Amino acid sequence: LIGRVYNLVPPINRAFEGRAITGMPLPLKVRLVLLGRLADDLVCVGRLCEIGYSGQGCTVAASIFEVAHTIAYVGNDKRARAWSSHNDPTRPFKPVAEIVQMNVNAAGFQDPEERSRSEYRLYRQLCWLKHANPLLMDFRDINSWEAHGTLDYGPNTSEEGIRRSWFALQHAGRTM
């Protein structure tokens, strides 16, 4: 899946060869920039999970979630202008929950409120490891301390590590 998504970028890029980027509509420019970012992040998730770094894979998958929803959101001139003129590097362009809600509403799901909650819950799960949640860092499992000393680091190829890798991979390459 990662290879397929990543391999979509060159044909998309070729479709615009010879066209001056200045002549493209702003929403298209923004989406192309974000698509490149998404493709690179997707490769990173794949590589991190492949070598046993599932926590880091989940962290990058959370970023992919944000980028994918931003791509869906910036489809008109007003929103693309708002994204491109955002100038605070310490804050996201828009709160993720707000973008998710707007995208779900635009997609026309039967129960948009429940779908938004479910979608945002998934994002929060991807962020658990990013926020150093002790419940997911094997801190409470004293038995693992004997195997690793007091510092648990390096690749995690345990069943739990593999399960987290699958979670990161599955949700990095998903659609809403």
C-alpha atoms as a PDB file:
ATOM      1  CA  LEU A   1       0.000   0.000   0.000  1.00  0.00           C
ATOM      2  CA  ILE A   2       2.773   2.411   0.898  1.00  0.00           C
ATOM      3  CA  GLY A   3       4.547   1.734  -2.380  1.00  0.00           C
ATOM      4  CA  ARG A   4       1.330   2.188  -4.357  1.00  0.00           C
ATOM      5  CA  VAL A   5       0.528   5.526  -2.757  1.00  0.00           C
ATOM      6  CA  TYR A   6       4.108   6.744  -3.063  1.00  0.00           C
ATOM      7  CA  ASN A   7       4.210   5.636  -6.705  1.00  0.00           C
ATOM      8  CA  LEU A   8       1.133   7.769  -7.459  1.00  0.00           C
ATOM      9  CA  VAL A   9       3.164  10.936  -6.983  1.00  0.00           C
ATOM     10  CA  PRO A  10       5.346  10.721 -10.159  1.00  0.00           C
ATOM     11  CA  PRO A  11       2.356  10.290 -12.542  1.00  0.00           C
ATOM     12  CA  ILE A  12       0.555  13.153 -10.806  1.00  0.00           C
ATOM     13  CA  ASN A  13       3.698  15.253 -11.090  1.00  0.00           C
ATOM     14  CA  ARG A  14       4.076  14.347 -14.786  1.00  0.00           C
ATOM     15  CA  ALA A  15       0.463  15.400 -15.433  1.00  0.00           C
ATOM     16  CA  PHE A  16       1.493  18.943 -14.554  1.00  0.00           C
ATOM     17  CA  GLU A  17       4.865  18.977 -16.356  1.00  0.00           C
ATOM     18  CA  GLY A  18       5.279  21.972 -18.556  1.00  0.00           C
ATOM     19  CA  ARG A  19       2.554  23.909 -16.752  1.00  0.00           C
ATOM     20  CA  ALA A  20       3.723  26.965 -14.916  1.00  0.00           C
ATOM     21  CA  ILE A  21       2.948  26.573 -11.249  1.00  0.00           C
ATOM     22  CA  THR A  22       1.966  30.251 -11.204  1.00  0.00           C
ATOM     23  CA  GLY A  23      -0.926  29.482 -13.543  1.00  0.00           C
ATOM     24  CA  MET A  24      -2.374  26.746 -11.359  1.00  0.00           C
ATOM     25  CA  PRO A  25      -5.309  27.442  -9.068  1.00  0.00           C
ATOM     26  CA  LEU A  26      -4.149  27.929  -5.473  1.00  0.00           C
ATOM     27  CA  PRO A  27      -6.123  24.943  -4.081  1.00  0.00           C
ATOM     28  CA  LEU A  28      -4.314  22.679  -6.572  1.00  0.00           C
ATOM     29  CA  LYS A  29      -0.893  24.092  -5.646  1.00  0.00           C
ATOM     30  CA  VAL A  30      -1.602  23.592  -1.943  1.00  0.00           C
ATOM     31  CA  ARG A  31      -2.852  20.053  -2.470  1.00  0.00           C
ATOM     32  CA  LEU A  32       0.193  19.113  -4.561  1.00  0.00           C
ATOM     33  CA  VAL A  33       2.583  20.440  -1.898  1.00  0.00           C
ATOM     34  CA  LEU A  34       0.708  18.536   0.801  1.00  0.00           C
ATOM     35  CA  LEU A  35       0.565  15.378  -1.327  1.00  0.00           C
ATOM     36  CA  GLY A  36       4.349  15.377  -1.597  1.00  0.00           C
ATOM     37  CA  ARG A  37       4.608  15.709   2.173  1.00  0.00           C
ATOM     38  CA  LEU A  38       2.080  12.908   2.685  1.00  0.00           C
ATOM     39  CA  ALA A  39       3.955  10.573   0.338  1.00  0.00           C
ATOM     40  CA  ASP A  40       7.267  11.177   2.122  1.00  0.00           C
ATOM     41  CA  ASP A  41       5.672  10.667   5.547  1.00  0.00           C
ATOM     42  CA  LEU A  42       4.056   7.453   4.345  1.00  0.00           C
ATOM     43  CA  VAL A  43       7.441   6.043   3.342  1.00  0.00           C
ATOM     44  CA  CYS A  44       8.770   6.965   6.785  1.00  0.00           C
ATOM     45  CA  VAL A  45       5.949   5.062   8.526  1.00  0.00           C
ATOM     46  CA  GLY A  46       6.718   2.013   6.435  1.00  0.00           C
ATOM     47  CA  ARG A  47      10.430   2.109   7.150  1.00  0.00           C
ATOM     48  CA  LEU A  48      10.016   2.839  10.875  1.00  0.00           C
ATOM     49  CA  CYS A  49       7.571  -0.029  11.358  1.00  0.00           C
ATOM     50  CA  GLU A  50       9.680  -2.374   9.250  1.00  0.00           C
ATOM     51  CA  ILE A  51      12.634  -1.937  11.609  1.00  0.00           C
ATOM     52  CA  GLY A  52      10.615  -2.150  14.829  1.00  0.00           C
ATOM     53  CA  TYR A  53       9.917   1.489  15.687  1.00  0.00           C
ATOM     54  CA  SER A  54       6.131   1.318  15.906  1.00  0.00           C
ATOM     55  CA  GLY A  55       5.770   4.222  18.337  1.00  0.00           C
ATOM     56  CA  GLN A  56       7.570   6.522  15.957  1.00  0.00           C
ATOM     57  CA  GLY A  57       5.501   5.069  13.099  1.00  0.00           C
ATOM     58  CA  CYS A  58       2.301   5.994  14.969  1.00  0.00           C
ATOM     59  CA  THR A  59       3.649   9.501  15.519  1.00  0.00           C
ATOM     60  CA  VAL A  60       4.255  10.017  11.798  1.00  0.00           C
ATOM     61  CA  ALA A  61       0.899   8.356  11.010  1.00  0.00           C
ATOM     62  CA  ALA A  62      -0.765  11.027  13.189  1.00  0.00           C
ATOM     63  CA  SER A  63       0.942  13.633  11.028  1.00  0.00           C
ATOM     64  CA  ILE A  64      -0.317  11.865   7.892  1.00  0.00           C
ATOM     65  CA  PHE A  65      -3.840  12.002   9.319  1.00  0.00           C
ATOM     66  CA  GLU A  66      -3.521  15.780   9.720  1.00  0.00           C
ATOM     67  CA  VAL A  67      -2.065  16.255   6.230  1.00  0.00           C
ATOM     68  CA  ALA A  68      -4.686  14.034   4.569  1.00  0.00           C
ATOM     69  CA  HIS A  69      -7.537  15.900   6.222  1.00  0.00           C
ATOM     70  CA  THR A  70      -5.934  19.220   5.302  1.00  0.00           C
ATOM     71  CA  ILE A  71      -5.741  18.094   1.642  1.00  0.00           C
ATOM     72  CA  ALA A  72      -9.460  17.330   1.731  1.00  0.00           C
ATOM     73  CA  TYR A  73     -10.238  20.608   3.479  1.00  0.00           C
ATOM     74  CA  VAL A  74      -8.350  23.119   1.279  1.00  0.00           C
ATOM     75  CA  GLY A  75     -10.381  22.469  -1.857  1.00  0.00           C
ATOM     76  CA  ASN A  76     -11.552  26.012  -2.464  1.00  0.00           C
ATOM     77  CA  ASP A  77      -9.786  29.349  -2.901  1.00  0.00           C
ATOM     78  CA  LYS A  78     -10.790  30.805   0.456  1.00  0.00           C
ATOM     79  CA  ARG A  79      -9.511  27.804   2.409  1.00  0.00           C
ATOM     80  CA  ALA A  80      -6.352  27.461   0.317  1.00  0.00           C
ATOM     81  CA  ARG A  81      -5.592  31.149   0.880  1.00  0.00           C
ATOM     82  CA  ALA A  82      -6.158  30.724   4.618  1.00  0.00           C
ATOM     83  CA  TRP A  83      -3.751  27.746   4.650  1.00  0.00           C
ATOM     84  CA  SER A  84      -1.067  29.482   2.588  1.00  0.00           C
ATOM     85  CA  SER A  85      -1.228  32.678   4.644  1.00  0.00           C
ATOM     86  CA  HIS A  86      -1.063  30.895   8.015  1.00  0.00           C
ATOM     87  CA  ASN A  87       1.957  32.388   9.761  1.00  0.00           C
ATOM     88  CA  ASP A  88       2.158  30.922  13.272  1.00  0.00           C
ATOM     89  CA  PRO A  89       4.715  28.081  13.365  1.00  0.00           C
ATOM     90  CA  THR A  90       3.667  27.145  16.918  1.00  0.00           C
ATOM     91  CA  ARG A  91       0.027  26.413  16.083  1.00  0.00           C
ATOM     92  CA  PRO A  92      -1.658  24.218  13.509  1.00  0.00           C
ATOM     93  CA  PHE A  93      -3.424  25.857  10.588  1.00  0.00           C
ATOM     94  CA  LYS A  94      -6.788  24.853  12.092  1.00  0.00           C
ATOM     95  CA  PRO A  95      -7.659  22.522  14.939  1.00  0.00           C
ATOM     96  CA  VAL A  96      -7.679  18.935  13.663  1.00  0.00           C
ATOM     97  CA  ALA A  97     -11.089  18.265  15.237  1.00  0.00           C
ATOM     98  CA  GLU A  98     -12.580  21.191  13.302  1.00  0.00           C
ATOM     99  CA  ILE A  99     -11.113  20.073   9.980  1.00  0.00           C
ATOM    100  CA  VAL A 100     -12.298  16.499  10.580  1.00  0.00           C
ATOM    101  CA  GLN A 101     -15.816  17.710  11.396  1.00  0.00           C
ATOM    102  CA  MET A 102     -15.980  19.844   8.244  1.00  0.00           C
ATOM    103  CA  ASN A 103     -14.624  17.057   6.023  1.00  0.00           C
ATOM    104  CA  VAL A 104     -17.040  14.480   7.432  1.00  0.00           C
ATOM    105  CA  ASN A 105     -19.969  16.872   6.945  1.00  0.00           C
ATOM    106  CA  ALA A 106     -18.886  17.542   3.346  1.00  0.00           C
ATOM    107  CA  ALA A 107     -18.561  13.809   2.615  1.00  0.00           C
ATOM    108  CA  GLY A 108     -22.254  13.264   3.374  1.00  0.00           C
ATOM    109  CA  PHE A 109     -22.064  10.397   5.872  1.00  0.00           C
ATOM    110  CA  GLN A 110     -25.396   9.269   7.344  1.00  0.00           C
ATOM    111  CA  ASP A 111     -24.440  10.071  10.937  1.00  0.00           C
ATOM    112  CA  PRO A 112     -21.790  12.791  10.571  1.00  0.00           C
ATOM    113  CA  GLU A 113     -21.563  13.502  14.290  1.00  0.00           C
ATOM    114  CA  GLU A 114     -20.746   9.881  15.171  1.00  0.00           C
ATOM    115  CA  ARG A 115     -18.404   9.580  12.186  1.00  0.00           C
ATOM    116  CA  SER A 116     -16.536  12.729  13.269  1.00  0.00           C
ATOM    117  CA  ARG A 117     -16.150  11.397  16.815  1.00  0.00           C
ATOM    118  CA  SER A 118     -14.905   8.059  15.486  1.00  0.00           C
ATOM    119  CA  GLU A 119     -12.484   9.706  13.062  1.00  0.00           C
ATOM    120  CA  TYR A 120     -11.088  12.050  15.706  1.00  0.00           C
ATOM    121  CA  ARG A 121     -10.792   9.173  18.226  1.00  0.00           C
ATOM    122  CA  LEU A 122      -8.547   7.376  15.734  1.00  0.00           C
ATOM    123  CA  TYR A 123      -6.368  10.476  15.470  1.00  0.00           C
ATOM    124  CA  ARG A 124      -6.095  10.640  19.256  1.00  0.00           C
ATOM    125  CA  GLN A 125      -5.054   6.979  19.359  1.00  0.00           C
ATOM    126  CA  LEU A 126      -2.299   7.658  16.840  1.00  0.00           C
ATOM    127  CA  CYS A 127      -1.139  10.530  19.080  1.00  0.00           C
ATOM    128  CA  TRP A 128      -0.948   8.458  22.292  1.00  0.00           C
ATOM    129  CA  LEU A 129       2.680   7.503  21.765  1.00  0.00           C
ATOM    130  CA  LYS A 130       3.576  10.947  20.461  1.00  0.00           C
ATOM    131  CA  HIS A 131       2.473  12.382  23.799  1.00  0.00           C
ATOM    132  CA  ALA A 132       4.593   9.916  25.839  1.00  0.00           C
ATOM    133  CA  ASN A 133       1.554   8.265  27.415  1.00  0.00           C
ATOM    134  CA  PRO A 134       2.877   5.968  30.177  1.00  0.00           C
ATOM    135  CA  LEU A 135       0.171   3.390  29.485  1.00  0.00           C
ATOM    136  CA  LEU A 136       1.686   2.734  26.070  1.00  0.00           C
ATOM    137  CA  MET A 137       5.368   3.002  26.897  1.00  0.00           C
ATOM    138  CA  ASP A 138       5.597  -0.267  28.837  1.00  0.00           C
ATOM    139  CA  PHE A 139       6.336   1.800  31.943  1.00  0.00           C
ATOM    140  CA  ARG A 140       3.833  -0.123  34.043  1.00  0.00           C
ATOM    141  CA  ASP A 141       5.169  -3.534  33.007  1.00  0.00           C
ATOM    142  CA  ILE A 142       7.894  -4.095  35.620  1.00  0.00           C
ATOM    143  CA  ASN A 143       8.703  -7.473  34.018  1.00  0.00           C
ATOM    144  CA  SER A 144       9.958  -5.734  30.897  1.00  0.00           C
ATOM    145  CA  TRP A 145      12.402  -3.775  33.060  1.00  0.00           C
ATOM    146  CA  GLU A 146      14.271  -6.994  33.815  1.00  0.00           C
ATOM    147  CA  ALA A 147      14.726  -7.701  30.117  1.00  0.00           C
ATOM    148  CA  HIS A 148      15.816  -4.177  29.225  1.00  0.00           C
ATOM    149  CA  GLY A 149      17.079  -2.679  32.453  1.00  0.00           C
ATOM    150  CA  THR A 150      15.393   0.513  33.514  1.00  0.00           C
ATOM    151  CA  LEU A 151      15.664   2.011  30.049  1.00  0.00           C
ATOM    152  CA  ASP A 152      13.529   0.439  27.323  1.00  0.00           C
ATOM    153  CA  TYR A 153      14.836   1.614  23.968  1.00  0.00           C
ATOM    154  CA  GLY A 154      15.588   0.381  20.497  1.00  0.00           C
ATOM    155  CA  PRO A 155      13.429  -1.661  18.151  1.00  0.00           C
ATOM    156  CA  ASN A 156      10.376  -3.337  19.639  1.00  0.00           C
ATOM    157  CA  THR A 157       9.688  -6.564  17.788  1.00  0.00           C
ATOM    158  CA  SER A 158       7.495  -8.002  20.527  1.00  0.00           C
ATOM    159  CA  GLU A 159       3.918  -8.980  19.774  1.00  0.00           C
ATOM    160  CA  GLU A 160       2.801  -5.604  21.134  1.00  0.00           C
ATOM    161  CA  GLY A 161       5.335  -3.758  18.985  1.00  0.00           C
ATOM    162  CA  ILE A 162       4.193  -5.602  15.878  1.00  0.00           C
ATOM    163  CA  ARG A 163       0.546  -4.903  16.743  1.00  0.00           C
ATOM    164  CA  ARG A 164       1.353  -1.191  17.017  1.00  0.00           C
ATOM    165  CA  SER A 165       3.207  -1.308  13.701  1.00  0.00           C
ATOM    166  CA  TRP A 166       0.162  -2.812  12.015  1.00  0.00           C
ATOM    167  CA  PHE A 167      -1.995  -0.086  13.567  1.00  0.00           C
ATOM    168  CA  ALA A 168       0.335   2.645  12.271  1.00  0.00           C
ATOM    169  CA  LEU A 169       0.556   1.109   8.799  1.00  0.00           C
ATOM    170  CA  GLN A 170      -3.173   0.462   8.521  1.00  0.00           C
ATOM    171  CA  HIS A 171      -4.150   3.982   9.478  1.00  0.00           C
ATOM    172  CA  ALA A 172      -1.347   5.777   7.634  1.00  0.00           C
ATOM    173  CA  GLY A 173      -2.676   4.369   4.354  1.00  0.00           C
ATOM    174  CA  ARG A 174      -6.402   4.568   5.017  1.00  0.00           C
ATOM    175  CA  THR A 175      -9.116   6.810   3.704  1.00  0.00           C
ATOM    176  CA  MET A 176     -11.910   8.377   5.686  1.00  0.00           C
END
